[in-house]
């Protein structure tokens, strides 16, 4: 998954990809690192776009989205937050969130 580098890039991805999974993590979150590879595989299997936001490198994006803990997953649909999962996240929850976000 692509790592977001700026607020403008984040807004561009949210506007252009529907649905979009945004994975918030940082450099010291061991759980976040192990879950990331599994989420990347799930995103690829589901055919959904996904991006990573490092809360240390781009704190403004996490603040703007009120992400106070990592790992956190936000799914955007139609340019708006559709689902939020954080802290204790199961892959089944992520898969269900992506399935619901793809339904129209």
C-alpha atoms as a PDB file:
ATOM      1  CA  UNK A   1       0.000   0.000   0.000  1.00  0.00           C
ATOM      2  CA  UNK A   2       1.121   3.524  -0.736  1.00  0.00           C
ATOM      3  CA  UNK A   3       2.327   5.689   2.178  1.00  0.00           C
ATOM      4  CA  UNK A   4       0.773   9.157   2.292  1.00  0.00           C
ATOM      5  CA  UNK A   5       3.281  12.020   2.590  1.00  0.00           C
ATOM      6  CA  UNK A   6       1.088  15.136   2.885  1.00  0.00           C
ATOM      7  CA  UNK A   7      -2.392  16.384   3.725  1.00  0.00           C
ATOM      8  CA  UNK A   8      -2.988  17.349   0.093  1.00  0.00           C
ATOM      9  CA  UNK A   9      -2.075  13.858  -1.087  1.00  0.00           C
ATOM     10  CA  UNK A  10      -4.405  12.371   1.527  1.00  0.00           C
ATOM     11  CA  UNK A  11      -7.327  14.528   0.363  1.00  0.00           C
ATOM     12  CA  UNK A  12      -6.589  13.582  -3.246  1.00  0.00           C
ATOM     13  CA  UNK A  13      -6.688   9.841  -2.473  1.00  0.00           C
ATOM     14  CA  UNK A  14      -9.949  10.175  -0.528  1.00  0.00           C
ATOM     15  CA  UNK A  15     -11.547  12.115  -3.386  1.00  0.00           C
ATOM     16  CA  UNK A  16     -10.350   9.798  -6.169  1.00  0.00           C
ATOM     17  CA  UNK A  17     -10.749   6.294  -4.705  1.00  0.00           C
ATOM     18  CA  UNK A  18     -14.030   4.788  -3.624  1.00  0.00           C
ATOM     19  CA  UNK A  19     -13.942   2.944  -1.328  1.00  0.00           C
ATOM     20  CA  UNK A  20     -10.554   3.685   0.247  1.00  0.00           C
ATOM     21  CA  UNK A  21      -9.009   1.948   3.242  1.00  0.00           C
ATOM     22  CA  UNK A  22      -6.663   4.150   5.285  1.00  0.00           C
ATOM     23  CA  UNK A  23      -4.342   2.364   7.702  1.00  0.00           C
ATOM     24  CA  UNK A  24      -2.878   4.505  10.499  1.00  0.00           C
ATOM     25  CA  UNK A  25       0.270   3.243  12.219  1.00  0.00           C
ATOM     26  CA  UNK A  26       3.627   4.473  13.486  1.00  0.00           C
ATOM     27  CA  UNK A  27       7.228   3.300  13.679  1.00  0.00           C
ATOM     28  CA  UNK A  28       7.000   1.771  17.150  1.00  0.00           C
ATOM     29  CA  UNK A  29       3.686  -0.098  16.996  1.00  0.00           C
ATOM     30  CA  UNK A  30       4.558  -3.798  16.816  1.00  0.00           C
ATOM     31  CA  UNK A  31       0.898  -4.793  16.498  1.00  0.00           C
ATOM     32  CA  UNK A  32       0.461  -2.272  13.700  1.00  0.00           C
ATOM     33  CA  UNK A  33       3.418  -3.671  11.783  1.00  0.00           C
ATOM     34  CA  UNK A  34       2.216  -7.272  12.022  1.00  0.00           C
ATOM     35  CA  UNK A  35      -1.368  -6.374  11.120  1.00  0.00           C
ATOM     36  CA  UNK A  36      -0.285  -4.209   8.181  1.00  0.00           C
ATOM     37  CA  UNK A  37       0.915  -7.118   6.040  1.00  0.00           C
ATOM     38  CA  UNK A  38      -2.362  -8.961   6.614  1.00  0.00           C
ATOM     39  CA  UNK A  39      -4.429  -5.878   5.776  1.00  0.00           C
ATOM     40  CA  UNK A  40      -2.347  -5.312   2.632  1.00  0.00           C
ATOM     41  CA  UNK A  41      -3.148  -8.857   1.491  1.00  0.00           C
ATOM     42  CA  UNK A  42      -6.839  -8.397   2.282  1.00  0.00           C
ATOM     43  CA  UNK A  43      -6.970  -5.112   0.345  1.00  0.00           C
ATOM     44  CA  UNK A  44      -5.326  -6.799  -2.641  1.00  0.00           C
ATOM     45  CA  UNK A  45      -7.725  -9.768  -2.462  1.00  0.00           C
ATOM     46  CA  UNK A  46     -10.773  -7.485  -2.218  1.00  0.00           C
ATOM     47  CA  UNK A  47      -9.635  -5.217  -5.078  1.00  0.00           C
ATOM     48  CA  UNK A  48      -9.871  -2.081  -2.928  1.00  0.00           C
ATOM     49  CA  UNK A  49      -7.388   0.784  -2.816  1.00  0.00           C
ATOM     50  CA  UNK A  50      -5.502   1.241   0.436  1.00  0.00           C
ATOM     51  CA  UNK A  51      -2.994   3.717   1.830  1.00  0.00           C
ATOM     52  CA  UNK A  52      -0.857   3.958   4.956  1.00  0.00           C
ATOM     53  CA  UNK A  53      -0.563   7.042   7.155  1.00  0.00           C
ATOM     54  CA  UNK A  54       2.376   7.132   9.557  1.00  0.00           C
ATOM     55  CA  UNK A  55       1.177   9.165  12.541  1.00  0.00           C
ATOM     56  CA  UNK A  56       4.736  10.204  13.451  1.00  0.00           C
ATOM     57  CA  UNK A  57       5.683  11.479   9.988  1.00  0.00           C
ATOM     58  CA  UNK A  58       2.311  13.083   9.201  1.00  0.00           C
ATOM     59  CA  UNK A  59       0.666  13.965  12.534  1.00  0.00           C
ATOM     60  CA  UNK A  60      -1.630  16.559  10.972  1.00  0.00           C
ATOM     61  CA  UNK A  61      -3.511  13.868   9.045  1.00  0.00           C
ATOM     62  CA  UNK A  62      -4.101  11.760  12.142  1.00  0.00           C
ATOM     63  CA  UNK A  63      -5.185  14.861  14.065  1.00  0.00           C
ATOM     64  CA  UNK A  64      -7.515  15.935  11.284  1.00  0.00           C
ATOM     65  CA  UNK A  65      -9.169  12.500  11.400  1.00  0.00           C
ATOM     66  CA  UNK A  66      -9.164  12.263  15.218  1.00  0.00           C
ATOM     67  CA  UNK A  67      -6.980   9.153  15.224  1.00  0.00           C
ATOM     68  CA  UNK A  68      -5.695   8.988  18.788  1.00  0.00           C
ATOM     69  CA  UNK A  69      -4.417   5.408  18.893  1.00  0.00           C
ATOM     70  CA  UNK A  70      -2.790   2.997  16.473  1.00  0.00           C
ATOM     71  CA  UNK A  71      -3.389   0.810  14.673  1.00  0.00           C
ATOM     72  CA  UNK A  72      -6.517   2.414  13.294  1.00  0.00           C
ATOM     73  CA  UNK A  73      -8.350   1.718  10.063  1.00  0.00           C
ATOM     74  CA  UNK A  74     -10.712   4.171   8.424  1.00  0.00           C
ATOM     75  CA  UNK A  75     -12.738   3.220   5.373  1.00  0.00           C
ATOM     76  CA  UNK A  76     -13.888   6.126   3.226  1.00  0.00           C
ATOM     77  CA  UNK A  77     -16.837   5.954   0.857  1.00  0.00           C
ATOM     78  CA  UNK A  78     -18.024   8.819  -1.342  1.00  0.00           C
ATOM     79  CA  UNK A  79     -15.274  10.999   0.149  1.00  0.00           C
ATOM     80  CA  UNK A  80     -16.528  10.582   3.728  1.00  0.00           C
ATOM     81  CA  UNK A  81     -15.580   8.367   6.632  1.00  0.00           C
ATOM     82  CA  UNK A  82     -17.748   5.272   6.460  1.00  0.00           C
ATOM     83  CA  UNK A  83     -16.203   2.928   9.051  1.00  0.00           C
ATOM     84  CA  UNK A  84     -13.652   3.288  11.853  1.00  0.00           C
ATOM     85  CA  UNK A  85     -11.824   0.386  13.499  1.00  0.00           C
ATOM     86  CA  UNK A  86      -9.078   0.879  16.056  1.00  0.00           C
ATOM     87  CA  UNK A  87      -6.902  -0.746  18.678  1.00  0.00           C
ATOM     88  CA  UNK A  88      -8.110  -4.370  18.770  1.00  0.00           C
ATOM     89  CA  UNK A  89      -8.874  -4.959  15.108  1.00  0.00           C
ATOM     90  CA  UNK A  90      -9.694  -8.359  13.660  1.00  0.00           C
ATOM     91  CA  UNK A  91      -9.296  -9.188   9.990  1.00  0.00           C
ATOM     92  CA  UNK A  92     -12.907 -10.358   9.912  1.00  0.00           C
ATOM     93  CA  UNK A  93     -14.009  -6.855  10.953  1.00  0.00           C
ATOM     94  CA  UNK A  94     -11.865  -5.301   8.226  1.00  0.00           C
ATOM     95  CA  UNK A  95     -13.202  -7.707   5.617  1.00  0.00           C
ATOM     96  CA  UNK A  96     -16.792  -6.994   6.685  1.00  0.00           C
ATOM     97  CA  UNK A  97     -16.180  -3.219   6.578  1.00  0.00           C
ATOM     98  CA  UNK A  98     -14.775  -3.461   3.042  1.00  0.00           C
ATOM     99  CA  UNK A  99     -17.662  -5.665   1.918  1.00  0.00           C
ATOM    100  CA  UNK A 100     -20.245  -3.198   3.262  1.00  0.00           C
ATOM    101  CA  UNK A 101     -18.397  -0.209   1.781  1.00  0.00           C
ATOM    102  CA  UNK A 102     -18.443  -1.807  -1.673  1.00  0.00           C
ATOM    103  CA  UNK A 103     -22.205  -2.421  -1.576  1.00  0.00           C
ATOM    104  CA  UNK A 104     -24.289   0.270  -3.217  1.00  0.00           C
END
